[in-house]
Amino acid sequence: MPDEELERAKEVCVSVDAVYYRQTNGDIAATSARDELFGLGYDDRWHYAERIEALTADDVLDIANKYLVNPVVVIAGPDMEGDAIDE
Protein backbone atom coordinates (compact mmCIF):
# COMPACT_ATOMS: atom_id res chain seq x y z
CA MET A 1 0.00 0.00 0.00
CA PRO A 2 1.50 3.32 -1.01
CA ASP A 3 2.19 5.74 1.86
CA GLU A 4 -0.02 8.44 0.31
CA GLU A 5 -2.98 6.06 0.12
CA LEU A 6 -2.54 4.95 3.72
CA GLU A 7 -2.30 8.54 4.95
CA ARG A 8 -5.42 9.52 2.99
CA ALA A 9 -7.33 6.54 4.43
CA LYS A 10 -6.25 7.47 7.95
CA GLU A 11 -7.38 11.07 7.45
CA VAL A 12 -10.79 9.89 6.27
CA CYS A 13 -11.21 7.56 9.26
CA VAL A 14 -10.25 10.24 11.76
CA SER A 15 -12.40 12.90 10.05
CA VAL A 16 -15.48 10.69 9.89
CA ASP A 17 -15.05 9.80 13.54
CA ALA A 18 -14.80 13.46 14.54
CA VAL A 19 -17.83 14.49 12.48
CA TYR A 20 -20.11 11.51 12.93
CA TYR A 21 -19.53 10.49 16.55
CA ARG A 22 -18.96 13.91 18.10
CA GLN A 23 -21.68 16.12 16.64
CA THR A 24 -23.71 16.63 19.76
CA ASN A 25 -23.49 15.90 23.46
CA GLY A 26 -26.01 13.13 22.81
CA ASP A 27 -23.74 11.56 20.18
CA ILE A 28 -20.81 11.64 22.58
CA ALA A 29 -22.90 10.18 25.41
CA ALA A 30 -24.30 7.41 23.19
CA THR A 31 -20.85 6.48 21.90
CA SER A 32 -19.37 6.52 25.39
CA ALA A 33 -22.20 4.35 26.72
CA ARG A 34 -21.87 1.87 23.83
CA ASP A 35 -18.10 1.65 24.27
CA GLU A 36 -18.53 1.06 28.01
CA LEU A 37 -21.18 -1.58 27.33
CA PHE A 38 -18.80 -3.42 24.99
CA GLY A 39 -16.06 -3.37 27.63
CA LEU A 40 -13.87 -0.81 25.85
CA GLY A 41 -14.22 1.90 28.47
CA TYR A 42 -16.28 5.07 28.23
CA ASP A 43 -13.30 7.07 26.91
CA ASP A 44 -12.25 4.62 24.20
CA ARG A 45 -13.44 6.87 21.37
CA TRP A 46 -11.11 9.65 22.50
CA HIS A 47 -8.12 7.40 21.71
CA TYR A 48 -9.38 6.31 18.28
CA ALA A 49 -7.35 8.86 16.30
CA GLU A 50 -4.14 7.88 18.10
CA ARG A 51 -4.67 4.23 17.21
CA ILE A 52 -5.47 5.02 13.58
CA GLU A 53 -2.45 7.31 13.22
CA ALA A 54 -0.20 4.56 14.63
CA LEU A 55 -1.19 2.07 11.91
CA THR A 56 1.45 1.13 9.35
CA ALA A 57 1.16 -0.41 5.90
CA ASP A 58 2.47 -3.66 7.40
CA ASP A 59 -0.35 -3.61 9.97
CA VAL A 60 -2.92 -3.24 7.18
CA LEU A 61 -1.31 -6.06 5.19
CA ASP A 62 -1.28 -8.35 8.25
CA ILE A 63 -4.96 -7.67 8.91
CA ALA A 64 -5.86 -8.21 5.26
CA ASN A 65 -3.98 -11.51 5.18
CA LYS A 66 -5.74 -12.64 8.34
CA TYR A 67 -9.33 -11.72 7.47
CA LEU A 68 -9.55 -11.48 3.69
CA VAL A 69 -8.59 -15.04 2.86
CA ASN A 70 -11.82 -16.51 1.43
CA PRO A 71 -13.20 -14.00 -1.05
CA VAL A 72 -16.85 -14.30 -2.04
CA VAL A 73 -18.38 -12.71 -5.11
CA VAL A 74 -22.07 -11.86 -5.06
CA ILE A 75 -23.91 -10.75 -8.15
CA ALA A 76 -27.25 -9.10 -7.51
CA GLY A 77 -29.76 -7.93 -10.04
CA PRO A 78 -33.16 -8.60 -11.52
CA ASP A 79 -34.17 -12.23 -11.94
CA MET A 80 -33.34 -13.01 -15.55
CA GLU A 81 -34.33 -16.51 -16.60
CA GLY A 82 -31.44 -18.54 -17.94
CA ASP A 83 -28.72 -16.14 -16.77
CA ALA A 84 -27.87 -18.01 -13.56
CA ILE A 85 -24.23 -18.66 -12.78
CA ASP A 86 -23.62 -22.17 -11.49
CA GLU A 87 -20.48 -23.35 -9.78
PDB file of N, CA and C in Angstrom:
ATOM      1  N   MET A   1       0.852  -1.176   0.000  1.00  0.00           N
ATOM      2  CA  MET A   1       0.000   0.000   0.000  1.00  0.00           C
ATOM      3  C   MET A   1       0.894   1.234   0.000  1.00  0.00           C
ATOM      4  N   PRO A   2       0.701   2.094  -0.965  1.00  0.00           N
ATOM      5  CA  PRO A   2       1.502   3.323  -1.009  1.00  0.00           C
ATOM      6  C   PRO A   2       1.253   4.206   0.223  1.00  0.00           C
ATOM      7  N   ASP A   3       2.296   4.883   0.672  1.00  0.00           N
ATOM      8  CA  ASP A   3       2.190   5.737   1.858  1.00  0.00           C
ATOM      9  C   ASP A   3       1.098   6.795   1.717  1.00  0.00           C
ATOM     10  N   GLU A   4       0.985   7.391   0.523  1.00  0.00           N
ATOM     11  CA  GLU A   4      -0.021   8.437   0.312  1.00  0.00           C
ATOM     12  C   GLU A   4      -1.429   7.879   0.494  1.00  0.00           C
ATOM     13  N   GLU A   5      -1.665   6.676  -0.001  1.00  0.00           N
ATOM     14  CA  GLU A   5      -2.980   6.062   0.118  1.00  0.00           C
ATOM     15  C   GLU A   5      -3.307   5.749   1.579  1.00  0.00           C
ATOM     16  N   LEU A   6      -2.335   5.247   2.303  1.00  0.00           N
ATOM     17  CA  LEU A   6      -2.535   4.950   3.718  1.00  0.00           C
ATOM     18  C   LEU A   6      -2.828   6.229   4.498  1.00  0.00           C
ATOM     19  N   GLU A   7      -2.076   7.277   4.245  1.00  0.00           N
ATOM     20  CA  GLU A   7      -2.299   8.543   4.954  1.00  0.00           C
ATOM     21  C   GLU A   7      -3.676   9.118   4.640  1.00  0.00           C
ATOM     22  N   ARG A   8      -4.098   9.016   3.377  1.00  0.00           N
ATOM     23  CA  ARG A   8      -5.417   9.523   2.991  1.00  0.00           C
ATOM     24  C   ARG A   8      -6.512   8.711   3.690  1.00  0.00           C
ATOM     25  N   ALA A   9      -6.341   7.389   3.761  1.00  0.00           N
ATOM     26  CA  ALA A   9      -7.329   6.542   4.435  1.00  0.00           C
ATOM     27  C   ALA A   9      -7.403   6.874   5.921  1.00  0.00           C
ATOM     28  N   LYS A  10      -6.260   7.106   6.535  1.00  0.00           N
ATOM     29  CA  LYS A  10      -6.248   7.470   7.953  1.00  0.00           C
ATOM     30  C   LYS A  10      -6.970   8.790   8.176  1.00  0.00           C
ATOM     31  N   GLU A  11      -6.722   9.763   7.319  1.00  0.00           N
ATOM     32  CA  GLU A  11      -7.379  11.069   7.449  1.00  0.00           C
ATOM     33  C   GLU A  11      -8.890  10.925   7.353  1.00  0.00           C
ATOM     34  N   VAL A  12      -9.357  10.098   6.433  1.00  0.00           N
ATOM     35  CA  VAL A  12     -10.795   9.887   6.268  1.00  0.00           C
ATOM     36  C   VAL A  12     -11.378   9.255   7.531  1.00  0.00           C
ATOM     37  N   CYS A  13     -10.720   8.227   8.041  1.00  0.00           N
ATOM     38  CA  CYS A  13     -11.212   7.557   9.256  1.00  0.00           C
ATOM     39  C   CYS A  13     -11.302   8.524  10.423  1.00  0.00           C
ATOM     40  N   VAL A  14     -10.274   9.307  10.637  1.00  0.00           N
ATOM     41  CA  VAL A  14     -10.249  10.240  11.763  1.00  0.00           C
ATOM     42  C   VAL A  14     -11.287  11.343  11.559  1.00  0.00           C
ATOM     43  N   SER A  15     -11.426  11.835  10.341  1.00  0.00           N
ATOM     44  CA  SER A  15     -12.399  12.901  10.053  1.00  0.00           C
ATOM     45  C   SER A  15     -13.823  12.416  10.258  1.00  0.00           C
ATOM     46  N   VAL A  16     -14.129  11.233   9.745  1.00  0.00           N
ATOM     47  CA  VAL A  16     -15.479  10.693   9.890  1.00  0.00           C
ATOM     48  C   VAL A  16     -15.804  10.485  11.366  1.00  0.00           C
ATOM     49  N   ASP A  17     -14.847   9.993  12.108  1.00  0.00           N
ATOM     50  CA  ASP A  17     -15.054   9.803  13.544  1.00  0.00           C
ATOM     51  C   ASP A  17     -15.374  11.127  14.219  1.00  0.00           C
ATOM     52  N   ALA A  18     -14.606  12.149  13.905  1.00  0.00           N
ATOM     53  CA  ALA A  18     -14.796  13.462  14.536  1.00  0.00           C
ATOM     54  C   ALA A  18     -16.154  14.061  14.175  1.00  0.00           C
ATOM     55  N   VAL A  19     -16.571  13.890  12.934  1.00  0.00           N
ATOM     56  CA  VAL A  19     -17.831  14.490  12.484  1.00  0.00           C
ATOM     57  C   VAL A  19     -19.029  13.653  12.898  1.00  0.00           C
ATOM     58  N   TYR A  20     -18.944  12.356  12.712  1.00  0.00           N
ATOM     59  CA  TYR A  20     -20.113  11.506  12.934  1.00  0.00           C
ATOM     60  C   TYR A  20     -20.366  11.213  14.413  1.00  0.00           C
ATOM     61  N   TYR A  21     -19.338  10.922  15.164  1.00  0.00           N
ATOM     62  CA  TYR A  21     -19.531  10.492  16.548  1.00  0.00           C
ATOM     63  C   TYR A  21     -19.452  11.618  17.569  1.00  0.00           C
ATOM     64  N   ARG A  22     -19.134  12.826  17.142  1.00  0.00           N
ATOM     65  CA  ARG A  22     -18.960  13.912  18.103  1.00  0.00           C
ATOM     66  C   ARG A  22     -19.756  15.158  17.734  1.00  0.00           C
ATOM     67  N   GLN A  23     -20.870  14.987  17.066  1.00  0.00           N
ATOM     68  CA  GLN A  23     -21.677  16.125  16.635  1.00  0.00           C
ATOM     69  C   GLN A  23     -22.356  16.824  17.807  1.00  0.00           C
ATOM     70  N   THR A  24     -22.955  16.047  18.655  1.00  0.00           N
ATOM     71  CA  THR A  24     -23.713  16.635  19.761  1.00  0.00           C
ATOM     72  C   THR A  24     -23.308  15.952  21.070  1.00  0.00           C
ATOM     73  N   ASN A  25     -23.727  16.540  22.175  1.00  0.00           N
ATOM     74  CA  ASN A  25     -23.487  15.899  23.464  1.00  0.00           C
ATOM     75  C   ASN A  25     -24.154  14.529  23.517  1.00  0.00           C
ATOM     76  N   GLY A  26     -25.304  14.413  22.863  1.00  0.00           N
ATOM     77  CA  GLY A  26     -26.012  13.133  22.812  1.00  0.00           C
ATOM     78  C   GLY A  26     -25.208  12.082  22.059  1.00  0.00           C
ATOM     79  N   ASP A  27     -24.589  12.487  20.943  1.00  0.00           N
ATOM     80  CA  ASP A  27     -23.738  11.563  20.183  1.00  0.00           C
ATOM     81  C   ASP A  27     -22.572  11.075  21.038  1.00  0.00           C
ATOM     82  N   ILE A  28     -21.956  11.997  21.731  1.00  0.00           N
ATOM     83  CA  ILE A  28     -20.805  11.643  22.579  1.00  0.00           C
ATOM     84  C   ILE A  28     -21.250  10.715  23.701  1.00  0.00           C
ATOM     85  N   ALA A  29     -22.395  11.020  24.321  1.00  0.00           N
ATOM     86  CA  ALA A  29     -22.898  10.184  25.411  1.00  0.00           C
ATOM     87  C   ALA A  29     -23.247   8.787  24.900  1.00  0.00           C
ATOM     88  N   ALA A  30     -23.910   8.712  23.743  1.00  0.00           N
ATOM     89  CA  ALA A  30     -24.300   7.408  23.191  1.00  0.00           C
ATOM     90  C   ALA A  30     -23.075   6.572  22.848  1.00  0.00           C
ATOM     91  N   THR A  31     -22.072   7.193  22.248  1.00  0.00           N
ATOM     92  CA  THR A  31     -20.849   6.477  21.899  1.00  0.00           C
ATOM     93  C   THR A  31     -20.117   6.024  23.144  1.00  0.00           C
ATOM     94  N   SER A  32     -20.036   6.885  24.142  1.00  0.00           N
ATOM     95  CA  SER A  32     -19.369   6.521  25.389  1.00  0.00           C
ATOM     96  C   SER A  32     -20.095   5.364  26.074  1.00  0.00           C
ATOM     97  N   ALA A  33     -21.414   5.415  26.089  1.00  0.00           N
ATOM     98  CA  ALA A  33     -22.204   4.351  26.716  1.00  0.00           C
ATOM     99  C   ALA A  33     -22.016   3.034  25.968  1.00  0.00           C
ATOM    100  N   ARG A  34     -22.055   3.081  24.649  1.00  0.00           N
ATOM    101  CA  ARG A  34     -21.869   1.872  23.832  1.00  0.00           C
ATOM    102  C   ARG A  34     -20.477   1.284  24.043  1.00  0.00           C
ATOM    103  N   ASP A  35     -19.472   2.128  24.050  1.00  0.00           N
ATOM    104  CA  ASP A  35     -18.103   1.649  24.266  1.00  0.00           C
ATOM    105  C   ASP A  35     -17.958   1.011  25.648  1.00  0.00           C
ATOM    106  N   GLU A  36     -18.574   1.623  26.647  1.00  0.00           N
ATOM    107  CA  GLU A  36     -18.530   1.064  28.007  1.00  0.00           C
ATOM    108  C   GLU A  36     -19.262  -0.276  28.038  1.00  0.00           C
ATOM    109  N   LEU A  37     -20.400  -0.351  27.384  1.00  0.00           N
ATOM    110  CA  LEU A  37     -21.180  -1.583  27.332  1.00  0.00           C
ATOM    111  C   LEU A  37     -20.375  -2.724  26.707  1.00  0.00           C
ATOM    112  N   PHE A  38     -19.591  -2.402  25.685  1.00  0.00           N
ATOM    113  CA  PHE A  38     -18.798  -3.421  24.993  1.00  0.00           C
ATOM    114  C   PHE A  38     -17.466  -3.700  25.688  1.00  0.00           C
ATOM    115  N   GLY A  39     -17.259  -3.093  26.850  1.00  0.00           N
ATOM    116  CA  GLY A  39     -16.065  -3.367  27.628  1.00  0.00           C
ATOM    117  C   GLY A  39     -14.828  -2.610  27.174  1.00  0.00           C
ATOM    118  N   LEU A  40     -15.010  -1.584  26.357  1.00  0.00           N
ATOM    119  CA  LEU A  40     -13.871  -0.806  25.848  1.00  0.00           C
ATOM    120  C   LEU A  40     -13.498   0.343  26.779  1.00  0.00           C
ATOM    121  N   GLY A  41     -14.423   0.732  27.619  1.00  0.00           N
ATOM    122  CA  GLY A  41     -14.219   1.897  28.468  1.00  0.00           C
ATOM    123  C   GLY A  41     -14.921   3.104  27.867  1.00  0.00           C
ATOM    124  N   TYR A  42     -15.496   3.926  28.719  1.00  0.00           N
ATOM    125  CA  TYR A  42     -16.285   5.066  28.228  1.00  0.00           C
ATOM    126  C   TYR A  42     -15.468   6.067  27.411  1.00  0.00           C
ATOM    127  N   ASP A  43     -14.135   6.095  27.622  1.00  0.00           N
ATOM    128  CA  ASP A  43     -13.303   7.074  26.914  1.00  0.00           C
ATOM    129  C   ASP A  43     -12.547   6.480  25.721  1.00  0.00           C
ATOM    130  N   ASP A  44     -12.959   5.291  25.308  1.00  0.00           N
ATOM    131  CA  ASP A  44     -12.253   4.620  24.198  1.00  0.00           C
ATOM    132  C   ASP A  44     -12.234   5.470  22.930  1.00  0.00           C
ATOM    133  N   ARG A  45     -13.336   6.099  22.622  1.00  0.00           N
ATOM    134  CA  ARG A  45     -13.440   6.872  21.371  1.00  0.00           C
ATOM    135  C   ARG A  45     -12.427   8.007  21.325  1.00  0.00           C
ATOM    136  N   TRP A  46     -12.053   8.526  22.467  1.00  0.00           N
ATOM    137  CA  TRP A  46     -11.114   9.647  22.498  1.00  0.00           C
ATOM    138  C   TRP A  46      -9.694   9.218  22.118  1.00  0.00           C
ATOM    139  N   HIS A  47      -9.438   7.922  22.081  1.00  0.00           N
ATOM    140  CA  HIS A  47      -8.118   7.403  21.709  1.00  0.00           C
ATOM    141  C   HIS A  47      -8.101   6.818  20.299  1.00  0.00           C
ATOM    142  N   TYR A  48      -9.240   6.884  19.617  1.00  0.00           N
ATOM    143  CA  TYR A  48      -9.379   6.306  18.280  1.00  0.00           C
ATOM    144  C   TYR A  48      -8.368   6.906  17.296  1.00  0.00           C
ATOM    145  N   ALA A  49      -8.259   8.203  17.247  1.00  0.00           N
ATOM    146  CA  ALA A  49      -7.355   8.865  16.298  1.00  0.00           C
ATOM    147  C   ALA A  49      -5.906   8.442  16.531  1.00  0.00           C
ATOM    148  N   GLU A  50      -5.511   8.318  17.794  1.00  0.00           N
ATOM    149  CA  GLU A  50      -4.136   7.879  18.097  1.00  0.00           C
ATOM    150  C   GLU A  50      -3.871   6.494  17.523  1.00  0.00           C
ATOM    151  N   ARG A  51      -4.854   5.601  17.698  1.00  0.00           N
ATOM    152  CA  ARG A  51      -4.668   4.227  17.207  1.00  0.00           C
ATOM    153  C   ARG A  51      -4.628   4.190  15.680  1.00  0.00           C
ATOM    154  N   ILE A  52      -5.471   4.982  15.049  1.00  0.00           N
ATOM    155  CA  ILE A  52      -5.473   5.024  13.577  1.00  0.00           C
ATOM    156  C   ILE A  52      -4.157   5.594  13.073  1.00  0.00           C
ATOM    157  N   GLU A  53      -3.700   6.683  13.654  1.00  0.00           N
ATOM    158  CA  GLU A  53      -2.445   7.313  13.224  1.00  0.00           C
ATOM    159  C   GLU A  53      -1.251   6.383  13.400  1.00  0.00           C
ATOM    160  N   ALA A  54      -1.313   5.476  14.362  1.00  0.00           N
ATOM    161  CA  ALA A  54      -0.196   4.562  14.626  1.00  0.00           C
ATOM    162  C   ALA A  54      -0.127   3.396  13.639  1.00  0.00           C
ATOM    163  N   LEU A  55      -1.192   3.181  12.853  1.00  0.00           N
ATOM    164  CA  LEU A  55      -1.192   2.067  11.907  1.00  0.00           C
ATOM    165  C   LEU A  55      -0.135   2.245  10.824  1.00  0.00           C
ATOM    166  N   THR A  56       0.476   1.132  10.447  1.00  0.00           N
ATOM    167  CA  THR A  56       1.452   1.130   9.352  1.00  0.00           C
ATOM    168  C   THR A  56       0.907   0.300   8.201  1.00  0.00           C
ATOM    169  N   ALA A  57       1.554   0.398   7.061  1.00  0.00           N
ATOM    170  CA  ALA A  57       1.161  -0.410   5.904  1.00  0.00           C
ATOM    171  C   ALA A  57       1.296  -1.891   6.230  1.00  0.00           C
ATOM    172  N   ASP A  58       2.300  -2.257   6.997  1.00  0.00           N
ATOM    173  CA  ASP A  58       2.474  -3.657   7.399  1.00  0.00           C
ATOM    174  C   ASP A  58       1.309  -4.130   8.270  1.00  0.00           C
ATOM    175  N   ASP A  59       0.809  -3.261   9.144  1.00  0.00           N
ATOM    176  CA  ASP A  59      -0.353  -3.611   9.970  1.00  0.00           C
ATOM    177  C   ASP A  59      -1.556  -3.907   9.080  1.00  0.00           C
ATOM    178  N   VAL A  60      -1.786  -3.061   8.090  1.00  0.00           N
ATOM    179  CA  VAL A  60      -2.917  -3.237   7.178  1.00  0.00           C
ATOM    180  C   VAL A  60      -2.762  -4.543   6.403  1.00  0.00           C
ATOM    181  N   LEU A  61      -1.568  -4.826   5.933  1.00  0.00           N
ATOM    182  CA  LEU A  61      -1.311  -6.058   5.194  1.00  0.00           C
ATOM    183  C   LEU A  61      -1.539  -7.281   6.081  1.00  0.00           C
ATOM    184  N   ASP A  62      -1.072  -7.235   7.318  1.00  0.00           N
ATOM    185  CA  ASP A  62      -1.280  -8.346   8.254  1.00  0.00           C
ATOM    186  C   ASP A  62      -2.765  -8.603   8.489  1.00  0.00           C
ATOM    187  N   ILE A  63      -3.521  -7.535   8.683  1.00  0.00           N
ATOM    188  CA  ILE A  63      -4.962  -7.665   8.915  1.00  0.00           C
ATOM    189  C   ILE A  63      -5.650  -8.221   7.675  1.00  0.00           C
ATOM    190  N   ALA A  64      -5.275  -7.719   6.507  1.00  0.00           N
ATOM    191  CA  ALA A  64      -5.864  -8.213   5.261  1.00  0.00           C
ATOM    192  C   ALA A  64      -5.570  -9.693   5.071  1.00  0.00           C
ATOM    193  N   ASN A  65      -4.340 -10.102   5.332  1.00  0.00           N
ATOM    194  CA  ASN A  65      -3.981 -11.511   5.180  1.00  0.00           C
ATOM    195  C   ASN A  65      -4.700 -12.405   6.184  1.00  0.00           C
ATOM    196  N   LYS A  66      -5.051 -11.858   7.327  1.00  0.00           N
ATOM    197  CA  LYS A  66      -5.744 -12.636   8.344  1.00  0.00           C
ATOM    198  C   LYS A  66      -7.234 -12.793   8.037  1.00  0.00           C
ATOM    199  N   TYR A  67      -7.883 -11.701   7.601  1.00  0.00           N
ATOM    200  CA  TYR A  67      -9.331 -11.723   7.472  1.00  0.00           C
ATOM    201  C   TYR A  67      -9.858 -11.815   6.043  1.00  0.00           C
ATOM    202  N   LEU A  68      -9.070 -11.470   5.078  1.00  0.00           N
ATOM    203  CA  LEU A  68      -9.553 -11.479   3.685  1.00  0.00           C
ATOM    204  C   LEU A  68      -8.972 -12.665   2.924  1.00  0.00           C
ATOM    205  N   VAL A  69      -9.201 -13.852   3.439  1.00  0.00           N
ATOM    206  CA  VAL A  69      -8.593 -15.042   2.859  1.00  0.00           C
ATOM    207  C   VAL A  69      -9.542 -15.866   2.000  1.00  0.00           C
ATOM    208  N   ASN A  70     -10.833 -15.752   2.202  1.00  0.00           N
ATOM    209  CA  ASN A  70     -11.815 -16.514   1.432  1.00  0.00           C
ATOM    210  C   ASN A  70     -12.769 -15.556   0.728  1.00  0.00           C
ATOM    211  N   PRO A  71     -12.340 -14.985  -0.389  1.00  0.00           N
ATOM    212  CA  PRO A  71     -13.201 -14.004  -1.053  1.00  0.00           C
ATOM    213  C   PRO A  71     -14.485 -14.637  -1.588  1.00  0.00           C
ATOM    214  N   VAL A  72     -15.548 -13.873  -1.542  1.00  0.00           N
ATOM    215  CA  VAL A  72     -16.845 -14.300  -2.035  1.00  0.00           C
ATOM    216  C   VAL A  72     -17.343 -13.222  -2.986  1.00  0.00           C
ATOM    217  N   VAL A  73     -17.828 -13.642  -4.138  1.00  0.00           N
ATOM    218  CA  VAL A  73     -18.382 -12.706  -5.106  1.00  0.00           C
ATOM    219  C   VAL A  73     -19.893 -12.905  -5.140  1.00  0.00           C
ATOM    220  N   VAL A  74     -20.624 -11.809  -5.007  1.00  0.00           N
ATOM    221  CA  VAL A  74     -22.073 -11.858  -5.060  1.00  0.00           C
ATOM    222  C   VAL A  74     -22.520 -10.969  -6.203  1.00  0.00           C
ATOM    223  N   ILE A  75     -23.352 -11.522  -7.048  1.00  0.00           N
ATOM    224  CA  ILE A  75     -23.909 -10.752  -8.155  1.00  0.00           C
ATOM    225  C   ILE A  75     -25.398 -10.605  -7.893  1.00  0.00           C
ATOM    226  N   ALA A  76     -25.846  -9.372  -7.801  1.00  0.00           N
ATOM    227  CA  ALA A  76     -27.252  -9.105  -7.514  1.00  0.00           C
ATOM    228  C   ALA A  76     -27.860  -8.318  -8.658  1.00  0.00           C
ATOM    229  N   GLY A  77     -29.071  -8.635  -8.971  1.00  0.00           N
ATOM    230  CA  GLY A  77     -29.757  -7.927 -10.036  1.00  0.00           C
ATOM    231  C   GLY A  77     -31.131  -8.526 -10.242  1.00  0.00           C
ATOM    232  N   PRO A  78     -31.828  -8.060 -11.262  1.00  0.00           N
ATOM    233  CA  PRO A  78     -33.162  -8.597 -11.524  1.00  0.00           C
ATOM    234  C   PRO A  78     -33.067 -10.071 -11.928  1.00  0.00           C
ATOM    235  N   ASP A  79     -34.117 -10.812 -11.598  1.00  0.00           N
ATOM    236  CA  ASP A  79     -34.175 -12.235 -11.937  1.00  0.00           C
ATOM    237  C   ASP A  79     -34.340 -12.361 -13.447  1.00  0.00           C
ATOM    238  N   MET A  80     -33.307 -12.850 -14.104  1.00  0.00           N
ATOM    239  CA  MET A  80     -33.344 -13.010 -15.552  1.00  0.00           C
ATOM    240  C   MET A  80     -33.215 -14.495 -15.854  1.00  0.00           C
ATOM    241  N   GLU A  81     -34.279 -15.073 -16.349  1.00  0.00           N
ATOM    242  CA  GLU A  81     -34.333 -16.511 -16.598  1.00  0.00           C
ATOM    243  C   GLU A  81     -33.201 -16.943 -17.516  1.00  0.00           C
ATOM    244  N   GLY A  82     -32.493 -17.984 -17.109  1.00  0.00           N
ATOM    245  CA  GLY A  82     -31.445 -18.539 -17.940  1.00  0.00           C
ATOM    246  C   GLY A  82     -30.083 -17.873 -17.763  1.00  0.00           C
ATOM    247  N   ASP A  83     -29.993 -16.843 -16.955  1.00  0.00           N
ATOM    248  CA  ASP A  83     -28.723 -16.144 -16.773  1.00  0.00           C
ATOM    249  C   ASP A  83     -28.019 -16.530 -15.471  1.00  0.00           C
ATOM    250  N   ALA A  84     -28.471 -17.611 -14.839  1.00  0.00           N
ATOM    251  CA  ALA A  84     -27.869 -18.012 -13.561  1.00  0.00           C
ATOM    252  C   ALA A  84     -26.439 -18.483 -13.769  1.00  0.00           C
ATOM    253  N   ILE A  85     -25.617 -18.211 -12.767  1.00  0.00           N
ATOM    254  CA  ILE A  85     -24.231 -18.661 -12.783  1.00  0.00           C
ATOM    255  C   ILE A  85     -24.138 -19.832 -11.822  1.00  0.00           C
ATOM    256  N   ASP A  86     -23.750 -20.968 -12.332  1.00  0.00           N
ATOM    257  CA  ASP A  86     -23.622 -22.168 -11.491  1.00  0.00           C
ATOM    258  C   ASP A  86     -22.157 -22.491 -11.292  1.00  0.00           C
ATOM    259  N   GLU A  87     -21.846 -22.882 -10.075  1.00  0.00           N
ATOM    260  CA  GLU A  87     -20.482 -23.353  -9.777  1.00  0.00           C
ATOM    261  C   GLU A  87     -20.572 -24.529  -8.885  1.00  0.00           C
TER     262      GLU A  87
END
